[in-house]
Protein backbone atom coordinates (compact mmCIF):
# COMPACT_ATOMS: atom_id res chain seq x y z
CA MET A 1 81.63 118.72 104.40
CA GLY A 2 85.02 118.75 102.73
CA ARG A 3 84.75 115.00 102.16
CA LYS A 4 85.11 113.31 98.82
CA ARG A 5 84.24 109.68 98.37
CA CYS A 6 87.09 107.69 96.85
CA VAL A 7 85.74 105.09 94.49
CA GLY A 8 86.74 103.16 91.40
CA ALA A 9 89.86 104.38 89.68
CA ASP A 10 90.58 106.91 92.39
CA CYS A 11 91.13 104.17 94.95
CA SER A 12 93.43 102.23 92.66
CA LYS A 13 95.74 105.22 92.64
CA MET A 14 96.14 104.94 96.39
CA ALA A 15 98.90 102.43 96.18
CA ALA A 16 101.31 103.77 98.62
CA GLY A 17 104.23 103.83 100.77
CA CYS A 18 105.93 101.87 103.23
CA CYS A 19 105.03 101.28 106.72
CA GLY A 20 106.54 99.96 109.75
CA VAL A 21 109.21 101.12 112.09
CA LYS A 22 110.01 100.42 115.67
CA LYS A 23 107.63 101.63 118.32
CA GLN A 24 108.11 105.34 118.73
CA LYS A 25 108.28 107.39 121.88
CA LEU A 26 105.90 110.29 121.58
CA SER A 27 105.40 113.08 124.03
CA GLY A 28 101.96 113.60 125.55
CA SER A 29 101.39 116.72 123.53
CA PRO A 30 103.91 116.99 120.75
CA GLY A 31 104.99 120.43 119.76
CA SER A 32 105.95 121.75 116.40
CA GLY A 33 108.85 119.37 116.23
CA GLY A 34 106.70 116.25 116.46
CA PRO A 35 108.09 112.93 117.63
CA GLY A 36 111.77 112.46 117.32
CA GLY A 37 113.64 109.87 115.35
CA THR A 38 114.40 109.38 111.73
CA ALA A 39 112.16 107.62 109.32
CA SER A 40 112.82 103.96 108.85
CA GLY A 41 110.04 102.96 106.54
CA VAL A 42 110.65 100.53 103.74
CA ALA A 43 109.20 100.69 100.29
CA GLY A 44 106.30 98.40 99.84
CA SER A 45 102.80 98.07 101.19
CA GLY A 46 101.42 98.45 104.62
CA HIS A 47 99.75 96.89 107.53
CA CYS A 48 99.08 97.77 111.06
CA GLY A 49 98.24 96.31 114.36
CA SER A 50 99.48 96.65 117.91
CA ASP A 51 102.82 98.37 118.02
CA LEU A 52 102.78 98.60 114.26
CA GLY A 53 103.61 101.43 112.15
CA ILE A 54 102.86 101.90 108.58
CA GLY A 55 104.70 104.64 106.98
CA SER A 56 105.92 104.94 103.50
CA SER A 57 108.30 106.75 101.41
CA SER A 58 108.05 105.14 98.04
CA ALA A 59 105.78 102.69 96.31
CA VAL A 60 107.05 99.41 94.96
CA ALA A 61 105.11 97.91 92.10
CA ALA A 62 104.62 94.19 91.76
CA GLY A 63 102.98 93.71 88.44
CA ASN A 64 100.09 96.12 88.56
CA VAL A 65 100.00 96.10 92.34
CA ASN A 66 101.60 98.64 94.61
CA ARG A 67 102.76 97.21 97.89
CA VAL A 68 102.90 98.92 101.22
CA ASN A 69 104.88 97.73 104.19
CA GLY A 70 102.70 97.19 107.17
CA LEU A 71 103.07 96.77 110.86
CA ASN A 72 105.99 96.88 113.08
CA GLY A 73 106.34 95.64 116.56
CA LEU A 74 108.84 95.84 119.34
CA GLY A 75 112.04 94.34 118.16
CA GLY A 76 112.48 91.74 115.47
CA PRO A 77 111.10 88.29 115.04
CA GLY A 78 111.11 85.91 117.96
CA SER A 79 113.43 82.98 118.35
CA SER A 80 112.59 79.83 116.46
CA SER A 81 111.02 76.87 118.20
CA SER A 82 113.31 74.32 119.74
CA SER A 83 112.48 71.48 117.35
CA SER A 84 111.82 71.48 113.64
CA ASN A 85 108.63 69.99 112.29
CA SER A 86 109.23 66.80 110.38
CA ASN A 87 105.64 65.72 109.83
CA THR A 88 103.91 67.32 106.90
CA LEU A 89 100.46 67.98 105.61
CA SER A 90 98.98 68.66 102.21
CA PRO A 91 96.21 71.23 102.56
CA SER A 92 95.27 71.06 98.89
CA SER A 93 92.23 68.86 99.42
CA VAL A 94 90.75 70.73 102.35
CA SER A 95 87.49 72.64 102.26
CA TYR A 96 87.63 76.18 103.60
CA ASN A 97 85.02 76.82 106.23
CA SER A 98 85.13 78.02 109.78
CA THR A 99 84.03 74.87 111.57
CA ALA A 100 85.93 74.29 114.82
CA LEU A 101 87.37 77.80 114.80
CA SER A 102 87.11 80.51 117.35
CA PRO A 103 89.02 83.39 115.75
CA HIS A 104 88.93 86.87 117.18
CA LEU A 105 87.66 90.04 115.61
CA SER A 106 90.05 92.80 116.47
CA PRO A 107 88.64 95.75 118.40
CA GLY A 108 87.39 98.44 116.11
CA SER A 109 87.13 96.26 113.05
CA SER A 110 84.00 97.19 111.28
CA GLY A 111 82.61 95.59 108.22
CA SER A 112 79.53 97.68 108.19
CA GLY A 113 79.01 100.65 106.03
CA SER A 114 75.69 102.32 106.34
CA GLY A 115 73.00 99.76 106.92
CA GLY A 116 75.27 97.37 108.84
CA ARG A 117 76.04 95.00 105.98
CA LYS A 118 77.53 91.61 106.74
CA MET A 119 81.29 91.47 107.10
CA VAL A 120 83.22 90.08 104.16
CA VAL A 121 86.39 89.08 106.02
CA SER A 122 86.22 85.57 107.48
CA ALA A 123 88.17 82.96 109.42
CA GLU A 124 88.46 80.99 106.18
CA MET A 125 90.71 83.71 104.79
CA CYS A 126 93.16 83.39 107.68
CA CYS A 127 93.10 79.61 107.34
CA PHE A 128 93.84 79.94 103.63
CA CYS A 129 96.82 82.21 104.40
CA PHE A 130 98.22 79.61 106.82
CA ASP A 131 97.77 76.92 104.17
CA VAL A 132 99.57 79.00 101.55
CA LEU A 133 102.49 79.64 103.89
CA TYR A 134 102.61 76.03 105.08
CA CYS A 135 102.66 74.66 101.52
CA HIS A 136 105.43 77.06 100.57
CA LEU A 137 107.64 76.28 103.55
CA TYR A 138 107.24 72.51 103.11
CA GLY A 139 107.48 72.49 99.32
CA TYR A 140 103.94 71.39 98.56
CA GLN A 141 101.85 72.49 95.62
CA PRO A 142 99.84 75.60 96.52
CA PRO A 143 96.42 74.91 98.07
CA ARG A 144 93.43 74.80 95.80
CA THR A 145 91.13 77.72 95.14
CA PRO A 146 89.18 78.58 98.30
CA ARG A 147 85.40 78.91 98.51
CA PHE A 148 85.14 82.38 100.00
CA THR A 149 84.33 85.36 97.79
CA ASN A 150 86.79 86.43 95.12
CA ASP A 151 85.62 90.03 95.03
CA PRO A 152 88.36 92.67 94.75
CA TYR A 153 89.48 94.58 97.87
CA PRO A 154 92.52 96.50 99.02
CA LEU A 155 94.05 94.16 101.60
CA PHE A 156 96.81 93.56 104.13
CA VAL A 157 98.21 90.35 105.60
CA THR A 158 99.90 90.62 108.99
CA TRP A 159 101.92 88.03 110.88
CA LYS A 160 102.69 88.23 114.59
CA ILE A 161 104.59 85.76 116.72
CA GLY A 162 104.82 84.57 120.32
CA ARG A 163 102.84 85.21 123.47
CA ASP A 164 103.45 88.93 123.24
CA LYS A 165 102.40 88.94 119.57
CA ARG A 166 105.42 90.73 118.19
CA LEU A 167 105.15 91.88 114.62
CA ARG A 168 106.74 89.40 112.22
CA GLY A 169 105.68 90.83 108.88
CA CYS A 170 103.01 93.02 107.37
CA ILE A 171 102.53 94.04 103.76
CA GLY A 172 99.47 94.91 101.73
CA THR A 173 98.11 96.97 98.87
CA PHE A 174 95.71 99.86 98.36
CA SER A 175 94.93 98.59 94.88
CA ALA A 176 91.86 96.36 94.91
CA MET A 177 92.86 92.75 94.20
CA ASN A 178 90.71 89.67 93.78
CA LEU A 179 90.90 88.01 97.18
CA HIS A 180 92.03 84.57 96.02
CA SER A 181 95.13 85.82 94.21
CA GLY A 182 95.65 88.80 96.53
CA LEU A 183 95.77 86.73 99.71
CA ARG A 184 98.07 84.18 98.05
CA GLU A 185 100.47 86.91 97.01
CA TYR A 186 100.52 88.95 100.18
CA THR A 187 100.65 85.91 102.47
CA LEU A 188 104.08 85.12 101.05
CA THR A 189 105.17 88.70 100.51
CA SER A 190 104.49 89.62 104.13
CA ALA A 191 106.05 86.42 105.48
CA LEU A 192 109.15 86.33 103.30
CA LYS A 193 109.81 89.78 101.84
CA ASP A 194 109.17 92.31 104.59
CA SER A 195 112.60 93.96 104.58
CA ARG A 196 112.44 94.60 108.32
CA PHE A 197 112.62 90.88 109.07
CA PRO A 198 114.37 87.76 107.80
CA PRO A 199 112.21 85.33 105.78
CA MET A 200 109.93 83.20 107.93
CA THR A 201 110.95 79.60 108.72
CA ARG A 202 109.12 76.35 109.48
CA ASP A 203 110.16 76.49 113.11
CA GLU A 204 108.19 79.69 113.62
CA LEU A 205 104.86 78.33 112.35
CA PRO A 206 103.53 77.05 115.71
CA ARG A 207 103.85 80.49 117.31
CA LEU A 208 102.29 82.56 114.53
CA PHE A 209 99.12 84.62 114.40
CA CYS A 210 97.69 85.64 111.03
CA SER A 211 95.49 88.70 110.46
CA VAL A 212 93.67 89.60 107.27
CA SER A 213 92.48 93.20 106.86
CA LEU A 214 90.16 94.28 104.04
CA LEU A 215 90.03 98.04 103.49
CA THR A 216 86.75 99.82 102.75
CA ASN A 217 84.98 103.19 102.78
CA PHE A 218 87.75 105.42 101.41
CA GLU A 219 87.05 109.14 101.76
CA ASP A 220 89.22 112.14 100.96
CA VAL A 221 88.84 114.78 103.69
CA GLY A 222 89.71 118.46 103.71
CA ASP A 223 90.77 118.63 107.37
CA TYR A 224 93.66 116.50 108.61
CA LEU A 225 91.81 116.06 111.93
CA ASP A 226 88.62 114.78 110.29
CA TRP A 227 88.95 111.13 111.29
CA GLU A 228 88.28 109.09 114.42
CA VAL A 229 90.95 107.27 116.42
CA GLY A 230 90.19 103.55 116.57
CA VAL A 231 87.67 103.76 113.73
CA HIS A 232 89.52 105.07 110.70
CA GLY A 233 92.78 104.18 109.08
CA ILE A 234 94.51 107.12 107.46
CA ARG A 235 96.71 107.56 104.42
CA ILE A 236 98.59 110.82 103.94
CA GLU A 237 100.33 112.39 100.97
CA PHE A 238 102.83 115.18 101.44
CA PHE A 239 105.94 116.74 99.93
CA ASN A 240 109.20 116.36 101.81
CA GLU A 241 111.98 118.89 102.24
CA LYS A 242 113.33 118.12 98.76
CA GLY A 243 109.95 118.50 97.10
CA SER A 244 109.43 114.78 96.59
CA LYS A 245 105.95 113.38 97.04
CA ARG A 246 105.66 110.88 99.88
CA THR A 247 102.87 108.68 101.23
CA ALA A 248 102.32 106.83 104.48
CA THR A 249 99.49 104.95 106.16
CA TYR A 250 98.34 103.54 109.47
CA LEU A 251 95.62 100.92 109.69
CA PRO A 252 92.65 101.76 111.97
CA GLU A 253 93.94 99.91 115.02
CA VAL A 254 97.39 101.48 115.22
CA ALA A 255 96.66 104.84 116.84
CA LYS A 256 94.36 103.31 119.46
CA GLU A 257 96.80 100.55 120.37
CA GLN A 258 99.64 103.04 120.69
CA GLY A 259 97.55 105.45 122.77
CA TRP A 260 98.06 108.30 120.30
CA ASP A 261 95.82 111.28 119.67
CA HIS A 262 95.28 112.84 116.22
CA ILE A 263 98.39 115.05 116.29
CA GLN A 264 100.68 112.31 117.57
CA THR A 265 99.42 109.94 114.90
CA ILE A 266 99.90 112.44 112.08
CA ASP A 267 103.37 113.39 113.31
CA SER A 268 104.39 109.75 113.68
CA LEU A 269 103.14 109.04 110.17
CA LEU A 270 105.08 111.97 108.74
CA ARG A 271 108.25 110.65 110.37
CA LYS A 272 107.54 107.17 109.08
CA GLY A 273 107.14 108.65 105.63
CA GLY A 274 110.56 110.23 105.85
CA TYR A 275 109.80 113.84 106.78
CA LYS A 276 112.69 115.11 108.89
CA ALA A 277 112.07 118.83 109.23
CA PRO A 278 110.23 120.39 112.20
CA ILE A 279 106.50 119.69 111.94
CA THR A 280 104.39 122.83 112.15
CA ASN A 281 100.63 123.28 112.18
CA ASP A 282 100.82 124.90 108.76
CA PHE A 283 102.63 121.86 107.38
CA ARG A 284 100.07 119.48 108.90
CA LYS A 285 97.33 121.47 107.15
CA SER A 286 99.11 121.03 103.82
CA ILE A 287 98.94 117.24 103.78
CA LYS A 288 96.32 115.37 101.78
CA LEU A 289 94.52 112.86 103.99
CA THR A 290 92.33 109.94 103.02
CA ARG A 291 90.49 108.06 105.73
CA TYR A 292 89.21 104.51 105.45
CA ARG A 293 87.86 101.63 107.50
CA SER A 294 88.81 98.00 107.65
CA GLU A 295 87.43 94.59 108.44
CA LYS A 296 89.94 92.47 110.32
CA MET A 297 90.09 88.81 111.31
CA THR A 298 92.86 87.18 113.35
CA MET A 299 93.60 83.47 113.80
CA SER A 300 96.27 81.69 115.81
CA TYR A 301 98.19 78.65 114.63
CA ALA A 302 96.38 76.63 117.30
CA GLU A 303 93.01 77.55 115.80
CA TYR A 304 94.32 76.78 112.35
CA ILE A 305 95.43 73.31 113.49
CA ALA A 306 92.05 72.66 115.13
CA HIS A 307 90.36 73.46 111.84
CA ARG A 308 92.77 71.36 109.80
CA GLN A 309 92.49 68.42 112.18
CA HIS A 310 88.71 68.50 111.90
CA HIS A 311 88.86 68.32 108.12
CA HIS A 312 91.78 65.90 108.10
CA TYR A 313 89.53 63.23 109.58
CA GLN A 314 86.37 64.44 107.87
CA ASN A 315 87.92 64.29 104.39
CA GLY A 316 90.16 61.27 104.88
CA ILE A 317 93.41 63.09 104.12
CA GLY A 318 96.34 60.67 104.10
CA HIS A 319 99.05 63.07 105.23
CA PRO A 320 99.85 63.46 108.92
CA LEU A 321 99.12 66.76 110.57
CA PRO A 322 101.98 69.00 111.62
CA PRO A 323 102.94 68.45 115.26
CA TYR A 324 101.09 70.64 117.71
CA ASN A 325 103.71 72.42 119.76
CA HIS A 326 102.22 75.86 120.17
CA TYR A 327 104.61 78.19 122.02
CA SER A 328 107.19 75.46 122.36
């Protein structure tokens, strides 16, 4: 009731705002003022994860694709590793499959619509993202076309770093992109062009975690509370104090990881989207909310190396593997 399925062209219009600010302090039961702090979202696409925020004020187009800035963690990127990697590897001849991997499905990621269909997201996608980044940082030709599906999906690529998995970059798009080109593009965009962080370096590779999120099941809802914490991601549209239209989004895992309820999440998202006036119940009711789900896969650099080492020997690749110095 009050729900409208978002399909086809409608979803392509959902290219939205910017996400990601520092972790916010929210009161247990926010009042009309909502959480404090000014918005610090950046134009682009979005991603979310633990301690991430996706908010947005404006949309930045890259070709036909609208980007949204994604997650944000506590503080900036971690310090680089003590030694630079001198050995290199050419991933271009590697097959993409999940042998020798033990990646983790994030809590709440759900690839099933009705009927419990098989998940589309896979460890191969994370491995491909690592290969794309590795080739770029070491000046190799981009890796060859992967074998996983090339169907179009809205997607986000998120990078975290270190033992505490601090956010290092997160950008994505609500416009459905073919996965092969979309993951190539947003791997580098999230690693090098997230305005909250400096471009990623070789020294950081051994401490990275890569997450791929594919967004599904978009539904427009009439009630801003008609979504479930830990299950749905939400995207809001609203008009700010100057009458300008703004958008902001949080991926499904954000509210649960932050320990927020519905009101806290909405208020945080409004602040991320740049709304600075007191937040009243009437204003919350005026926002347009779209809920969605996601499939998410996360892989560490260590798992990536295990996979690459397996295929290095299996396929007779002549280039040495990068040194394994995880968390060095």
